[in-house]
Protein backbone atom coordinates (compact mmCIF):
# COMPACT_ATOMS: atom_id res chain seq x y z
CA UNK A 1 18.59 -175.44 -100.01
CA UNK A 2 20.95 -172.67 -99.01
CA UNK A 3 23.47 -173.18 -96.20
CA UNK A 4 24.30 -169.88 -94.35
CA UNK A 5 26.53 -169.09 -91.34
CA UNK A 6 27.10 -166.37 -88.60
CA UNK A 7 30.78 -166.17 -87.53
CA UNK A 8 31.53 -163.94 -84.64
CA UNK A 9 34.96 -163.38 -82.98
CA UNK A 10 34.98 -163.84 -79.44
CA UNK A 11 36.79 -160.58 -78.59
CA UNK A 12 33.89 -159.24 -76.68
CA UNK A 13 30.18 -159.69 -76.15
CA UNK A 14 27.42 -159.45 -79.00
CA UNK A 15 25.95 -155.96 -79.54
CA UNK A 16 22.82 -155.00 -81.60
CA UNK A 17 24.61 -154.97 -84.92
CA UNK A 18 25.91 -158.56 -84.28
CA UNK A 19 22.26 -159.50 -83.35
CA UNK A 20 20.94 -157.92 -86.46
CA UNK A 21 23.43 -159.71 -88.62
CA UNK A 22 22.69 -163.26 -86.90
CA UNK A 23 18.91 -162.79 -87.11
CA UNK A 24 19.10 -161.70 -90.74
CA UNK A 25 21.14 -164.75 -91.75
CA UNK A 26 18.95 -166.89 -89.66
CA UNK A 27 15.79 -165.87 -91.09
CA UNK A 28 16.92 -166.32 -94.72
CA UNK A 29 17.81 -169.93 -93.87
CA UNK A 30 14.45 -170.55 -92.27
CA UNK A 31 12.51 -169.00 -95.10
CA UNK A 32 14.36 -171.16 -97.69
CA UNK A 33 14.13 -174.33 -95.48
CA UNK A 34 18.08 -174.20 -95.36
CA UNK A 35 20.54 -174.49 -92.72
CA UNK A 36 21.99 -172.04 -90.38
CA UNK A 37 25.40 -172.74 -89.13
CA UNK A 38 27.65 -171.07 -86.42
CA UNK A 39 31.41 -170.55 -86.59
CA UNK A 40 33.66 -168.99 -83.82
CA UNK A 41 36.55 -167.02 -85.29
CA UNK A 42 38.97 -167.44 -82.54
CA UNK A 43 42.28 -167.61 -84.35
CA UNK A 44 43.54 -164.50 -82.39
CA UNK A 45 45.32 -165.93 -79.12
CA UNK A 46 45.56 -162.43 -77.70
CA UNK A 47 42.14 -160.81 -78.01
CA UNK A 48 39.96 -163.90 -78.09
CA UNK A 49 38.54 -165.47 -74.79
CA UNK A 50 36.58 -168.55 -74.13
CA UNK A 51 34.18 -166.69 -71.79
CA UNK A 52 33.16 -164.55 -74.72
CA UNK A 53 32.51 -167.62 -76.71
CA UNK A 54 30.32 -169.09 -74.13
CA UNK A 55 28.43 -165.62 -73.90
CA UNK A 56 28.00 -165.68 -77.55
CA UNK A 57 26.17 -168.90 -77.62
CA UNK A 58 24.03 -168.01 -74.67
CA UNK A 59 22.96 -164.72 -76.14
CA UNK A 60 22.02 -166.29 -79.52
CA UNK A 61 20.12 -168.95 -77.77
CA UNK A 62 18.37 -166.36 -75.75
CA UNK A 63 17.45 -164.66 -79.07
CA UNK A 64 15.76 -167.75 -80.27
CA UNK A 65 18.40 -168.88 -82.66
CA UNK A 66 19.56 -172.44 -83.19
CA UNK A 67 22.04 -174.04 -85.60
CA UNK A 68 22.06 -177.46 -87.52
CA UNK A 69 25.51 -178.59 -86.95
CA UNK A 70 28.19 -178.35 -84.11
CA UNK A 71 29.96 -175.01 -83.66
CA UNK A 72 33.08 -174.81 -85.85
CA UNK A 73 36.01 -173.19 -83.80
CA UNK A 74 38.74 -171.89 -86.09
CA UNK A 75 41.44 -172.57 -83.31
CA UNK A 76 40.73 -176.33 -83.75
CA UNK A 77 41.48 -176.27 -87.49
CA UNK A 78 45.00 -174.67 -87.43
CA UNK A 79 46.26 -177.75 -89.38
CA UNK A 80 43.77 -177.11 -92.17
CA UNK A 81 45.11 -173.43 -92.58
CA UNK A 82 48.88 -174.67 -92.32
CA UNK A 83 48.25 -177.22 -95.13
CA UNK A 84 46.71 -174.40 -97.39
CA UNK A 85 49.65 -172.23 -96.77
CA UNK A 86 52.04 -175.22 -97.67
CA UNK A 87 50.21 -175.64 -100.87
CA UNK A 88 50.55 -171.94 -101.79
CA UNK A 89 54.19 -171.68 -100.66
CA UNK A 90 55.10 -174.91 -102.66
CA UNK A 91 53.65 -172.96 -105.86
CA UNK A 92 55.56 -170.00 -104.93
CA UNK A 93 52.38 -167.90 -104.67
CA UNK A 94 53.25 -166.66 -101.16
CA UNK A 95 56.46 -165.07 -99.96
CA UNK A 96 57.98 -164.11 -96.52
CA UNK A 97 57.95 -160.36 -95.60
CA UNK A 98 60.10 -159.03 -92.99
CA UNK A 99 58.90 -155.25 -93.06
CA UNK A 100 57.23 -153.82 -90.06
CA UNK A 101 53.81 -152.12 -90.35
CA UNK A 102 55.64 -148.86 -89.79
CA UNK A 103 58.10 -149.43 -92.54
CA UNK A 104 55.11 -150.35 -94.87
CA UNK A 105 53.47 -147.10 -94.17
CA UNK A 106 56.68 -145.08 -94.42
CA UNK A 107 57.15 -146.66 -97.82
CA UNK A 108 53.69 -145.92 -98.88
CA UNK A 109 54.09 -142.23 -97.95
CA UNK A 110 57.47 -142.07 -99.64
CA UNK A 111 55.95 -143.44 -102.68
CA UNK A 112 53.44 -140.56 -102.85
CA UNK A 113 50.35 -142.43 -101.84
CA UNK A 114 47.59 -141.46 -99.31
CA UNK A 115 47.63 -144.92 -97.32
CA UNK A 116 44.66 -145.63 -95.29
CA UNK A 117 44.61 -147.36 -92.17
CA UNK A 118 41.71 -149.57 -92.56
CA UNK A 119 41.35 -153.48 -92.18
CA UNK A 120 44.14 -154.12 -94.59
CA UNK A 121 46.34 -150.98 -93.74
CA UNK A 122 48.53 -149.27 -96.35
CA UNK A 123 49.11 -151.04 -99.68
CA UNK A 124 52.46 -152.89 -99.33
CA UNK A 125 54.94 -151.87 -102.01
CA UNK A 126 56.61 -155.37 -102.54
CA UNK A 127 59.91 -154.80 -100.87
CA UNK A 128 60.51 -158.36 -99.74
CA UNK A 129 58.92 -159.97 -102.95
CA UNK A 130 62.27 -160.08 -104.83
CA UNK A 131 64.54 -160.99 -102.07
CA UNK A 132 66.98 -163.89 -102.76
CA UNK A 133 66.96 -167.09 -100.50
CA UNK A 134 70.17 -165.77 -99.02
CA UNK A 135 68.65 -162.48 -98.13
CA UNK A 136 65.58 -164.15 -96.72
CA UNK A 137 67.86 -166.45 -94.57
CA UNK A 138 69.64 -163.51 -93.34
CA UNK A 139 66.76 -161.45 -92.41
CA UNK A 140 65.01 -164.36 -90.83
CA UNK A 141 67.73 -164.37 -88.03
CA UNK A 142 66.66 -161.19 -86.57
CA UNK A 143 63.01 -160.80 -87.68
CA UNK A 144 60.00 -162.99 -87.73
CA UNK A 145 58.07 -162.92 -91.23
CA UNK A 146 54.59 -162.53 -92.19
CA UNK A 147 53.54 -164.50 -95.37
CA UNK A 148 52.07 -162.54 -98.29
CA UNK A 149 50.07 -163.39 -101.32
CA UNK A 150 51.94 -162.56 -104.60
CA UNK A 151 48.93 -160.78 -106.03
CA UNK A 152 50.14 -160.25 -109.58
CA UNK A 153 51.39 -163.96 -109.80
CA UNK A 154 48.18 -165.20 -108.32
CA UNK A 155 45.87 -163.09 -110.82
CA UNK A 156 48.14 -164.36 -113.69
CA UNK A 157 47.18 -167.79 -112.78
CA UNK A 158 43.37 -167.09 -112.04
CA UNK A 159 42.58 -164.80 -114.88
CA UNK A 160 39.57 -162.43 -114.70
CA UNK A 161 37.08 -163.32 -111.97
CA UNK A 162 33.88 -162.22 -110.73
CA UNK A 163 31.29 -163.13 -107.92
CA UNK A 164 27.53 -162.59 -107.44
CA UNK A 165 25.97 -160.59 -104.63
CA UNK A 166 22.36 -161.37 -104.47
CA UNK A 167 21.48 -157.75 -103.74
CA UNK A 168 23.91 -156.13 -106.33
CA UNK A 169 24.38 -158.71 -109.15
CA UNK A 170 27.65 -159.77 -110.64
CA UNK A 171 30.88 -158.09 -109.18
CA UNK A 172 34.13 -157.86 -111.01
CA UNK A 173 37.07 -159.04 -109.05
CA UNK A 174 39.60 -156.21 -108.47
CA UNK A 175 41.97 -157.46 -105.49
CA UNK A 176 45.02 -155.76 -106.85
CA UNK A 177 43.96 -152.74 -105.01
CA UNK A 178 44.80 -154.34 -101.79
CA UNK A 179 48.40 -155.27 -103.06
CA UNK A 180 50.06 -158.31 -101.42
CA UNK A 181 47.86 -159.05 -98.63
CA UNK A 182 49.04 -161.02 -95.51
CA UNK A 183 47.83 -164.63 -95.24
CA UNK A 184 49.82 -165.59 -92.12
CA UNK A 185 50.84 -163.03 -89.31
CA UNK A 186 53.57 -162.94 -86.98
CA UNK A 187 51.38 -163.54 -84.04
CA UNK A 188 48.69 -165.62 -85.74
CA UNK A 189 49.44 -168.57 -87.95
CA UNK A 190 46.74 -167.65 -90.60
CA UNK A 191 44.91 -164.31 -91.43
CA UNK A 192 41.13 -163.70 -91.59
CA UNK A 193 41.12 -164.13 -95.41
CA UNK A 194 42.69 -167.52 -95.49
CA UNK A 195 40.61 -168.82 -92.69
CA UNK A 196 37.27 -167.85 -93.71
CA UNK A 197 37.82 -168.86 -97.18
CA UNK A 198 38.69 -172.47 -95.89
CA UNK A 199 35.98 -172.52 -93.38
CA UNK A 200 33.18 -171.57 -95.88
CA UNK A 201 34.16 -174.52 -98.06
CA UNK A 202 34.53 -176.93 -95.15
CA UNK A 203 31.17 -176.06 -93.89
CA UNK A 204 29.50 -176.21 -97.21
CA UNK A 205 28.33 -172.56 -96.99
CA UNK A 206 26.37 -171.73 -100.30
CA UNK A 207 25.30 -168.17 -99.18
CA UNK A 208 27.68 -165.88 -97.28
CA UNK A 209 25.82 -163.16 -95.45
CA UNK A 210 27.86 -160.29 -93.76
CA UNK A 211 28.05 -156.67 -93.31
CA UNK A 212 28.63 -154.38 -96.35
CA UNK A 213 31.88 -153.07 -94.73
CA UNK A 214 33.50 -156.54 -95.65
CA UNK A 215 32.23 -156.36 -99.27
CA UNK A 216 35.70 -155.44 -100.72
CA UNK A 217 37.43 -158.49 -99.07
CA UNK A 218 35.26 -160.75 -101.09
CA UNK A 219 37.41 -160.14 -104.01
CA UNK A 220 40.27 -161.48 -101.91
CA UNK A 221 38.52 -164.71 -100.94
CA UNK A 222 37.44 -165.45 -104.56
CA UNK A 223 41.04 -165.40 -105.61
CA UNK A 224 41.92 -167.72 -102.81
CA UNK A 225 39.04 -170.00 -103.74
CA UNK A 226 40.11 -170.16 -107.27
CA UNK A 227 43.87 -170.90 -106.31
CA UNK A 228 42.88 -173.58 -103.98
CA UNK A 229 40.23 -175.18 -105.96
CA UNK A 230 37.30 -174.32 -103.62
CA UNK A 231 33.79 -173.43 -104.62
CA UNK A 232 32.48 -169.73 -104.77
CA UNK A 233 29.22 -169.41 -102.93
CA UNK A 234 26.84 -166.66 -103.49
CA UNK A 235 27.18 -163.50 -101.33
CA UNK A 236 24.78 -160.92 -99.59
CA UNK A 237 26.33 -157.91 -98.00
CA UNK A 238 23.58 -156.49 -95.75
CA UNK A 239 23.60 -152.86 -94.45
CA UNK A 240 25.05 -152.08 -90.96
CA UNK A 241 22.97 -151.39 -88.15
CA UNK A 242 23.21 -147.72 -87.07
CA UNK A 243 22.52 -146.09 -83.67
CA UNK A 244 20.57 -142.85 -83.25
CA UNK A 245 23.59 -140.74 -84.11
CA UNK A 246 24.00 -142.78 -87.39
CA UNK A 247 27.09 -144.44 -86.34
CA UNK A 248 27.61 -148.18 -86.76
CA UNK A 249 27.69 -150.42 -83.64
CA UNK A 250 31.18 -151.51 -82.93
CA UNK A 251 33.06 -153.25 -79.90
CA UNK A 252 35.80 -150.70 -80.02
CA UNK A 253 33.01 -147.92 -79.42
CA UNK A 254 31.77 -149.95 -76.50
CA UNK A 255 28.40 -150.41 -78.13
CA UNK A 256 25.72 -151.61 -75.73
CA UNK A 257 25.79 -155.28 -75.60
CA UNK A 258 22.85 -157.90 -75.82
CA UNK A 259 24.09 -159.00 -72.34
CA UNK A 260 23.28 -155.36 -71.00
CA UNK A 261 19.92 -155.09 -72.54
CA UNK A 262 19.14 -158.36 -71.12
CA UNK A 263 20.21 -157.02 -67.70
CA UNK A 264 18.08 -154.14 -68.04
CA UNK A 265 15.03 -156.18 -68.43
CA UNK A 266 14.31 -156.36 -72.16
CA UNK A 267 12.76 -159.34 -73.68
CA UNK A 268 14.12 -161.35 -76.65
CA UNK A 269 11.27 -160.09 -78.61
CA UNK A 270 12.10 -156.46 -77.79
CA UNK A 271 15.83 -156.82 -78.68
CA UNK A 272 14.91 -158.48 -81.99
CA UNK A 273 12.78 -155.63 -82.81
CA UNK A 274 15.54 -152.99 -82.23
CA UNK A 275 17.95 -155.38 -84.26
CA UNK A 276 16.42 -154.81 -87.82
CA UNK A 277 18.06 -153.07 -90.66
CA UNK A 278 16.30 -149.95 -91.92
C-alpha cells in the first residue's frame, strides 16, 4: 500500500498547476487503495499566511479530495528540524556561513562560472568552510550565519547513492553540482530540503509525487536521508501543467486561481478536466 502526499506552501491560493499535482497524487493513492496525506509547508514566516492555508483546504475539499490523517503543518514541528540540525552539527557535517547572497554571486563570477539564479542560486565556493572557531566567533558578532551542508564530507560518508523514479527508473545521485547547500537560513530556522526530508519520513511517505522541476533536488534529499538514517521512498516526478502559451502555471506570474475559477461559475468537474497533464 502506497502512502502519498500533497504539500503546498500557503504563500498564495492554489492555481491549476497545484490542482493537477494534487489530483494526480490523490488518484494514484485511490487506485492503489493507499493513503493520501496533506502537508502545509509554512516555515517561511514572512510569506506564509494562515488565510491561504484555510483557502487551500477549502479548495481541495471543493475539488473532491480528502486525506486520511490530520494535516501536518511544518511550523508546528520546528523542534524536529532543530534536532536534525544539531545531529549534523555535532558530526561537523554543517558549518556556519556568513557570506551574503551577493557575495556568493560575485565569488562565482570571479571564479569564471556562469552562476544561475534558480531555486539554489549560485553554487557556493566554500569561503566559510575553513574558518577557524575564532574567525567564526568574530564574524558572528556582526553577521548572522546560515548553516550549510559540507557536501564533500557528506558524500565521503554516504558513498555512491541512487534513487528510483517510477517513470524514469534508477537515478544516480550527483548532488555535488549544488555545492554546499543551505540547511538553515537567516530568516527561517530550516530549509526546504531539510524539512521535506524529515516530513516525508515522519509521515511514512512511500511514494513522493511532485513536479519535474523539483527532480534535481531529490539528490540532496537522498543524501540527507542517508546521513540521518531515514528511509528513501520511491519518487514520481510528473510533468508541469502548461497554459495555452506553453508556460507553466506559477504564483509569481499571477496564474488564475481555483478560487477565481469557482467564482466564475465553473464546477469541480470542469476544473478537474482542465487540471490534467497532457
